Amino acid sequence: MTVQQAAGRIGEAPAGSIGTVVRDVVPVADGVVAIELVPDGGGPLPAWEPGAHIDLLLGPDLVRQYSLCGDPDDPRSWWIAVLLRPDGGGGSRRVHALRPGDRVPVRGPRNAFRLHPAPHYVFVAGGIGITPIRPMVAAAVRAGAGWTLHYGGRSRTTMAFAGELARYGAQVRLHPEDEHGPLDPDAVVAGAPPGALVYCCGPAGLIDAMTATTAGTAGTAGTTAGTLHVERFTAAPAADPAADAAFDVECRASGITVRVPPGVSVLDALEEAGGVIVNSSCRDGVCGTCETGVLAGDPDHRDTVLDDAERAAGEVMMVCVSRSIGPRLVLDI
């Protein structure tokens, strides 16, 4: 099968998606390519802000989320950077096979990793986690905010955009593990000035370590030094299904009520028992595609998208993983 044949099957843009065309493919590190996407047929692309991601519809059952890492002020193109994972689910292999001229339907952009205003930022990136952080750095520079970037990777050759970022001098601290050992979360947080917000993206181990180090300081913009915002590549550890209780979900707009049994997600129950289709992608509580408004009830949040303030407000939930604390939820769907 040729790349063009594969892309031809990718290229049909379903309802609700945006047709894009690959304009450029650029190697930016060992095993990492940057892909430039432009509108299929011309016109501007939807606006986005640092931290946003898009869904690439790479096949009938192959949807993957990638952070936008280019310039938010350029409506003519989107850039993503993707690490090849030979033992992964196939998304990165399909992306690495793309060539200029291939058509790729896209959904989004959406942003669950928004950059809040602050006098100072501490950015922490591990490996390909640099992708959402790159435009955040540029935004901090434009805003005149103070900032530092701690960027870790296996080696310099595996760290995308490392050479470009080095132009910022001492504000960028590269931590190639083969030269200096792993990035130290304790040192990163200890050096954060008062009022700083910490933004971290990378492997689960790095995010777990940063979360443990900043325990007790998480919150919303403008709170204590060390406030942590994270974006994960993978889902948080799943809760024990044996501990789940059944509950009812009233779909106010659809006029139906669905019973959600233990071990079954709200998303699946809505689709299978009620015929209510919710847009979804990861089904792991990572991407934010299935965010649904909550009109009544207390959600049991199990996603990695919402921050503490959003969870406390209880106005939305990710129906692919989150459940109900009480016997009934009323959703705006």
Protein backbone atom coordinates (compact mmCIF):
# COMPACT_ATOMS: atom_id res chain seq x y z
CA MET A 1 0.00 0.00 0.00
CA THR A 2 1.40 3.40 -0.91
CA VAL A 3 1.20 6.45 1.31
CA GLN A 4 -1.12 8.13 -1.20
CA GLN A 5 -3.48 5.16 -1.08
CA ALA A 6 -3.53 5.25 2.70
CA ALA A 7 -4.05 9.00 2.71
CA GLY A 8 -6.90 8.67 0.26
CA ARG A 9 -8.83 6.64 2.82
CA ILE A 10 -7.94 9.16 5.51
CA GLY A 11 -8.92 12.09 3.38
CA GLU A 12 -12.74 11.98 3.44
CA ALA A 13 -13.72 14.69 5.95
CA PRO A 14 -16.74 13.51 7.98
CA ALA A 15 -19.37 15.89 9.31
CA GLY A 16 -18.07 18.13 12.08
CA SER A 17 -14.45 17.89 10.94
CA ILE A 18 -12.14 20.27 9.09
CA GLY A 19 -10.42 19.23 5.88
CA THR A 20 -6.67 19.88 5.97
CA VAL A 21 -3.76 19.11 3.67
CA VAL A 22 -0.19 18.32 4.69
CA ARG A 23 2.06 21.10 3.39
CA ASP A 24 5.34 20.17 5.02
CA VAL A 25 6.98 17.34 6.99
CA VAL A 26 10.13 18.27 8.91
CA PRO A 27 12.31 16.01 11.12
CA VAL A 28 12.93 17.92 14.36
CA ALA A 29 14.61 15.24 16.53
CA ASP A 30 15.39 11.55 16.51
CA GLY A 31 12.05 9.86 15.90
CA VAL A 32 10.09 13.14 15.85
CA VAL A 33 8.56 14.87 12.83
CA ALA A 34 6.77 18.21 12.67
CA ILE A 35 3.77 18.29 10.35
CA GLU A 36 2.34 21.49 8.86
CA LEU A 37 -1.38 21.37 8.05
CA VAL A 38 -3.17 23.95 5.89
CA PRO A 39 -6.87 24.30 4.99
CA ASP A 40 -8.10 22.05 2.20
CA GLY A 41 -9.60 24.59 -0.17
CA GLY A 42 -8.14 27.73 1.35
CA GLY A 43 -9.43 30.13 3.95
CA PRO A 44 -8.26 30.59 7.54
CA LEU A 45 -8.14 27.84 10.11
CA PRO A 46 -10.00 28.25 13.43
CA ALA A 47 -8.21 30.33 16.05
CA TRP A 48 -6.45 28.66 18.95
CA GLU A 49 -4.47 29.53 22.07
CA PRO A 50 -1.38 27.92 23.62
CA GLY A 51 -2.24 24.56 25.17
CA ALA A 52 -4.82 23.64 22.51
CA HIS A 53 -4.87 20.31 20.72
CA ILE A 54 -6.58 18.84 17.66
CA ASP A 55 -7.90 15.39 16.79
CA LEU A 56 -6.45 13.80 13.66
CA LEU A 57 -8.94 11.42 12.07
CA LEU A 58 -6.42 8.93 10.72
CA GLY A 59 -8.85 6.13 9.91
CA PRO A 60 -12.35 4.84 10.68
CA ASP A 61 -11.30 3.75 14.18
CA LEU A 62 -8.04 5.67 14.52
CA VAL A 63 -8.33 9.12 16.13
CA ARG A 64 -5.38 10.67 17.89
CA GLN A 65 -4.89 13.95 19.76
CA TYR A 66 -1.86 16.15 19.17
CA SER A 67 -0.96 19.50 20.70
CA LEU A 68 -0.64 22.49 18.41
CA CYS A 69 2.93 23.74 18.62
CA GLY A 70 3.13 26.52 16.02
CA ASP A 71 2.14 30.19 16.06
CA PRO A 72 -1.42 30.91 17.31
CA ASP A 73 -1.36 34.21 15.41
CA ASP A 74 -0.96 32.47 12.05
CA PRO A 75 -4.41 31.40 10.75
CA ARG A 76 -2.91 29.91 7.58
CA SER A 77 -1.44 26.75 9.07
CA TRP A 78 -1.26 24.46 12.09
CA TRP A 79 1.87 22.64 13.25
CA ILE A 80 2.03 19.45 15.30
CA ALA A 81 5.08 17.37 16.28
CA VAL A 82 4.74 13.62 16.74
CA LEU A 83 7.05 11.04 18.30
CA LEU A 84 7.15 7.69 16.53
CA ARG A 85 6.04 4.92 18.89
CA PRO A 86 6.69 1.63 17.05
CA ASP A 87 4.87 -0.39 19.72
CA GLY A 88 1.96 2.04 20.04
CA GLY A 89 -1.57 1.87 18.67
CA GLY A 90 -0.67 2.91 15.13
CA GLY A 91 -1.41 6.64 15.23
CA SER A 92 2.20 7.80 15.24
CA ARG A 93 3.12 5.36 12.47
CA ARG A 94 0.33 6.74 10.32
CA VAL A 95 1.41 10.33 11.00
CA HIS A 96 5.05 9.54 10.20
CA ALA A 97 3.89 8.09 6.87
CA LEU A 98 2.21 11.34 5.83
CA ARG A 99 3.69 13.31 2.94
CA PRO A 100 2.98 16.77 1.46
CA GLY A 101 -0.32 16.71 -0.39
CA ASP A 102 -1.97 14.09 1.83
CA ARG A 103 -5.40 15.05 3.17
CA VAL A 104 -6.23 14.64 6.85
CA PRO A 105 -9.61 15.45 8.48
CA VAL A 106 -9.24 17.23 11.81
CA ARG A 107 -11.55 18.06 14.71
CA GLY A 108 -10.98 20.96 17.08
CA PRO A 109 -9.10 22.80 18.29
CA ARG A 110 -9.96 22.36 21.98
CA ASN A 111 -8.06 23.58 25.00
CA ALA A 112 -7.97 21.87 28.39
CA PHE A 113 -4.46 23.15 29.17
CA ARG A 114 -5.04 26.88 28.96
CA LEU A 115 -2.30 29.35 29.86
CA HIS A 116 -3.62 31.62 32.62
CA PRO A 117 -2.22 35.12 33.22
CA ALA A 118 0.61 35.22 35.76
CA PRO A 119 3.65 37.36 36.57
CA HIS A 120 5.93 34.35 36.18
CA TYR A 121 5.75 30.87 34.70
CA VAL A 122 7.74 27.72 35.31
CA PHE A 123 7.41 25.42 32.31
CA VAL A 124 8.37 21.75 32.64
CA ALA A 125 8.53 19.47 29.60
CA GLY A 126 9.53 15.85 29.26
CA GLY A 127 10.29 14.53 25.78
CA ILE A 128 7.51 15.22 23.28
CA GLY A 129 5.71 17.09 26.08
CA ILE A 130 7.51 20.15 24.72
CA THR A 131 4.82 20.53 22.05
CA PRO A 132 2.18 22.47 24.05
CA ILE A 133 4.90 24.25 26.03
CA ARG A 134 6.61 25.76 22.97
CA PRO A 135 3.80 28.24 22.15
CA MET A 136 3.36 28.95 25.86
CA VAL A 137 6.96 30.15 26.03
CA ALA A 138 6.34 32.44 23.06
CA ALA A 139 3.17 33.78 24.71
CA ALA A 140 5.03 34.49 27.97
CA VAL A 141 7.68 36.39 26.02
CA ARG A 142 5.04 38.49 24.23
CA ALA A 143 3.28 39.24 27.51
CA GLY A 144 6.50 40.37 29.17
CA ALA A 145 6.10 37.79 31.94
CA GLY A 146 9.00 36.17 33.71
CA TRP A 147 9.53 32.52 32.87
CA THR A 148 11.88 29.57 32.97
CA LEU A 149 11.73 26.29 31.05
CA HIS A 150 13.04 22.96 32.36
CA TYR A 151 13.16 20.52 29.47
CA GLY A 152 14.19 16.91 29.97
CA GLY A 153 14.83 14.10 27.49
CA ARG A 154 16.86 10.96 26.97
CA SER A 155 19.53 12.85 24.99
CA ARG A 156 19.89 16.14 23.11
CA THR A 157 19.22 14.46 19.79
CA THR A 158 15.80 13.22 21.00
CA MET A 159 14.66 16.66 22.26
CA ALA A 160 12.54 18.42 19.64
CA PHE A 161 13.09 22.18 19.25
CA ALA A 162 15.97 22.13 21.76
CA GLY A 163 18.28 24.13 19.47
CA GLU A 164 15.61 26.73 18.78
CA LEU A 165 14.77 27.14 22.47
CA ALA A 166 18.41 27.47 23.44
CA ARG A 167 18.41 30.99 21.94
CA TYR A 168 16.64 32.16 25.09
CA GLY A 169 19.81 31.54 27.07
CA ALA A 170 19.69 30.84 30.81
CA GLN A 171 15.89 30.93 30.89
CA VAL A 172 15.93 27.51 29.21
CA ARG A 173 17.49 24.67 31.20
CA LEU A 174 18.00 21.53 29.15
CA HIS A 175 18.24 18.26 31.07
CA PRO A 176 19.47 15.52 28.70
CA GLU A 177 19.43 12.46 30.92
CA ASP A 178 22.55 10.93 29.39
CA GLU A 179 24.53 14.05 30.36
CA HIS A 180 23.03 15.34 33.62
CA GLY A 181 20.69 12.67 34.90
CA PRO A 182 16.91 13.02 35.13
CA LEU A 183 15.13 16.29 35.71
CA ASP A 184 14.65 16.98 39.45
CA PRO A 185 11.08 18.13 40.29
CA ASP A 186 12.08 19.18 43.81
CA ALA A 187 14.69 21.58 42.47
CA VAL A 188 12.28 22.92 39.85
CA VAL A 189 9.57 23.74 42.38
CA ALA A 190 12.03 25.08 44.96
CA GLY A 191 13.21 27.63 42.41
CA ALA A 192 9.72 28.87 41.51
CA PRO A 193 9.23 32.52 42.50
CA PRO A 194 6.15 33.66 44.43
CA GLY A 195 3.07 33.92 42.23
CA ALA A 196 4.45 31.56 39.59
CA LEU A 197 2.28 29.07 37.77
CA VAL A 198 3.81 25.72 36.87
CA TYR A 199 2.87 24.09 33.56
CA CYS A 200 4.00 20.52 33.02
CA CYS A 201 3.56 18.11 30.12
CA GLY A 202 5.35 14.82 29.62
CA PRO A 203 5.39 11.15 30.61
CA ALA A 204 3.25 9.94 33.49
CA GLY A 205 6.27 9.50 35.76
CA LEU A 206 7.27 13.15 35.40
CA ILE A 207 3.75 14.42 35.96
CA ASP A 208 3.26 12.17 39.00
CA ALA A 209 6.54 13.42 40.46
CA MET A 210 5.61 17.06 39.84
CA THR A 211 2.19 16.47 41.36
CA ALA A 212 3.71 14.91 44.48
CA THR A 213 6.23 17.74 44.79
CA THR A 214 3.57 20.45 44.52
CA ALA A 215 0.99 18.65 46.67
CA GLY A 216 -1.13 21.16 48.54
CA THR A 217 -0.47 24.01 46.11
CA ALA A 218 -2.71 23.03 43.19
CA GLY A 219 -5.40 25.52 42.27
CA THR A 220 -6.32 28.19 39.78
CA ALA A 221 -4.39 31.11 38.39
CA GLY A 222 -3.18 33.68 40.89
CA THR A 223 -2.90 31.37 43.89
CA THR A 224 0.22 30.20 45.72
CA ALA A 225 3.65 29.70 44.21
CA GLY A 226 3.95 26.29 42.63
CA THR A 227 0.36 26.13 41.35
CA LEU A 228 0.45 23.19 38.95
CA HIS A 229 -1.30 22.68 35.63
CA VAL A 230 -0.62 19.46 33.75
CA GLU A 231 -1.46 17.73 30.51
CA ARG A 232 -1.12 13.96 30.35
CA PHE A 233 -0.45 11.70 27.37
CA THR A 234 -2.23 8.78 29.02
CA ALA A 235 -5.14 8.25 31.39
CA ALA A 236 -4.81 8.32 35.15
CA PRO A 237 -5.01 4.94 36.92
CA ALA A 238 -8.55 3.59 36.62
CA ALA A 239 -10.77 3.26 39.63
CA ASP A 240 -11.80 -0.20 40.78
CA PRO A 241 -15.07 -1.02 38.92
CA ALA A 242 -16.13 -3.16 41.88
CA ALA A 243 -16.46 0.04 43.90
CA ASP A 244 -18.84 1.63 41.37
CA ALA A 245 -22.53 2.00 42.14
CA ALA A 246 -25.35 2.21 39.60
CA PHE A 247 -27.03 5.58 39.02
CA ASP A 248 -29.49 7.27 36.68
CA VAL A 249 -28.65 9.89 34.07
CA GLU A 250 -31.42 12.16 32.86
CA CYS A 251 -30.70 13.65 29.43
CA ARG A 252 -32.69 16.86 29.71
CA ALA A 253 -32.54 17.92 26.05
CA SER A 254 -33.19 14.39 24.75
CA GLY A 255 -36.00 13.69 27.19
CA ILE A 256 -34.77 10.26 28.27
CA THR A 257 -33.31 8.73 31.42
CA VAL A 258 -30.67 5.99 31.27
CA ARG A 259 -29.50 3.62 33.99
CA VAL A 260 -25.69 3.42 34.26
CA PRO A 261 -24.66 0.10 35.85
CA PRO A 262 -21.36 -0.57 37.64
CA GLY A 263 -18.41 -0.95 35.29
CA VAL A 264 -20.16 0.81 32.38
CA SER A 265 -19.29 4.38 31.41
CA VAL A 266 -21.93 7.08 31.07
CA LEU A 267 -20.83 7.44 27.45
CA ASP A 268 -21.43 3.76 26.68
CA ALA A 269 -24.72 3.67 28.56
CA LEU A 270 -26.02 6.70 26.67
CA GLU A 271 -25.06 5.18 23.33
CA GLU A 272 -26.19 1.63 23.96
CA ALA A 273 -29.30 2.07 26.10
CA GLY A 274 -30.49 5.52 25.14
CA GLY A 275 -29.27 6.03 21.59
CA VAL A 276 -27.73 9.36 22.63
CA ILE A 277 -24.48 9.93 20.78
CA VAL A 278 -21.83 12.12 22.40
CA ASN A 279 -18.76 13.19 20.44
CA SER A 280 -15.80 11.32 21.89
CA SER A 281 -12.25 10.39 21.02
CA CYS A 282 -9.86 9.01 23.65
CA ARG A 283 -12.48 7.43 25.96
CA ASP A 284 -9.83 7.70 28.70
CA GLY A 285 -10.66 11.11 30.17
CA VAL A 286 -7.63 12.74 28.55
CA CYS A 287 -8.75 14.73 25.50
CA GLY A 288 -11.88 16.62 26.61
CA THR A 289 -13.92 15.78 23.50
CA CYS A 290 -16.87 14.36 25.46
CA GLU A 291 -17.22 17.29 27.87
CA THR A 292 -20.91 17.56 28.80
CA GLY A 293 -22.80 20.13 30.85
CA VAL A 294 -24.17 19.09 34.25
CA LEU A 295 -27.52 20.62 35.24
CA ALA A 296 -27.99 18.76 38.54
CA GLY A 297 -26.19 16.18 40.65
CA ASP A 298 -22.60 15.71 41.81
CA PRO A 299 -20.15 14.28 39.26
CA ASP A 300 -17.46 11.86 40.41
CA HIS A 301 -14.65 13.31 38.29
CA ARG A 302 -12.13 10.74 37.04
CA ASP A 303 -10.65 12.63 34.10
CA THR A 304 -7.28 14.37 33.77
CA VAL A 305 -8.73 17.37 31.91
CA LEU A 306 -10.49 19.53 34.50
CA ASP A 307 -8.60 21.49 37.14
CA ASP A 308 -9.54 21.64 40.82
CA ALA A 309 -11.76 24.73 40.42
CA GLU A 310 -13.66 23.19 37.50
CA ARG A 311 -14.17 19.97 39.42
CA ALA A 312 -15.45 21.86 42.45
CA ALA A 313 -17.88 23.86 40.29
CA GLY A 314 -19.37 20.63 38.93
CA GLU A 315 -20.75 22.36 35.83
CA VAL A 316 -19.24 19.93 33.30
CA MET A 317 -17.95 16.37 33.26
CA MET A 318 -16.18 13.95 30.93
CA VAL A 319 -18.79 11.24 30.39
CA CYS A 320 -16.27 8.72 29.05
CA VAL A 321 -14.80 8.05 32.53
CA SER A 322 -16.52 10.14 35.21
CA ARG A 323 -19.52 8.90 37.16
CA SER A 324 -21.94 10.17 39.81
CA ILE A 325 -21.48 10.53 43.54
CA GLY A 326 -25.24 10.40 44.13
CA PRO A 327 -28.06 8.33 42.65
CA ARG A 328 -28.88 10.74 39.80
CA LEU A 329 -27.28 13.16 37.34
CA VAL A 330 -29.03 15.54 34.98
CA LEU A 331 -27.00 16.34 31.88
CA ASP A 332 -27.44 19.06 29.28
CA ILE A 333 -27.71 16.71 26.35
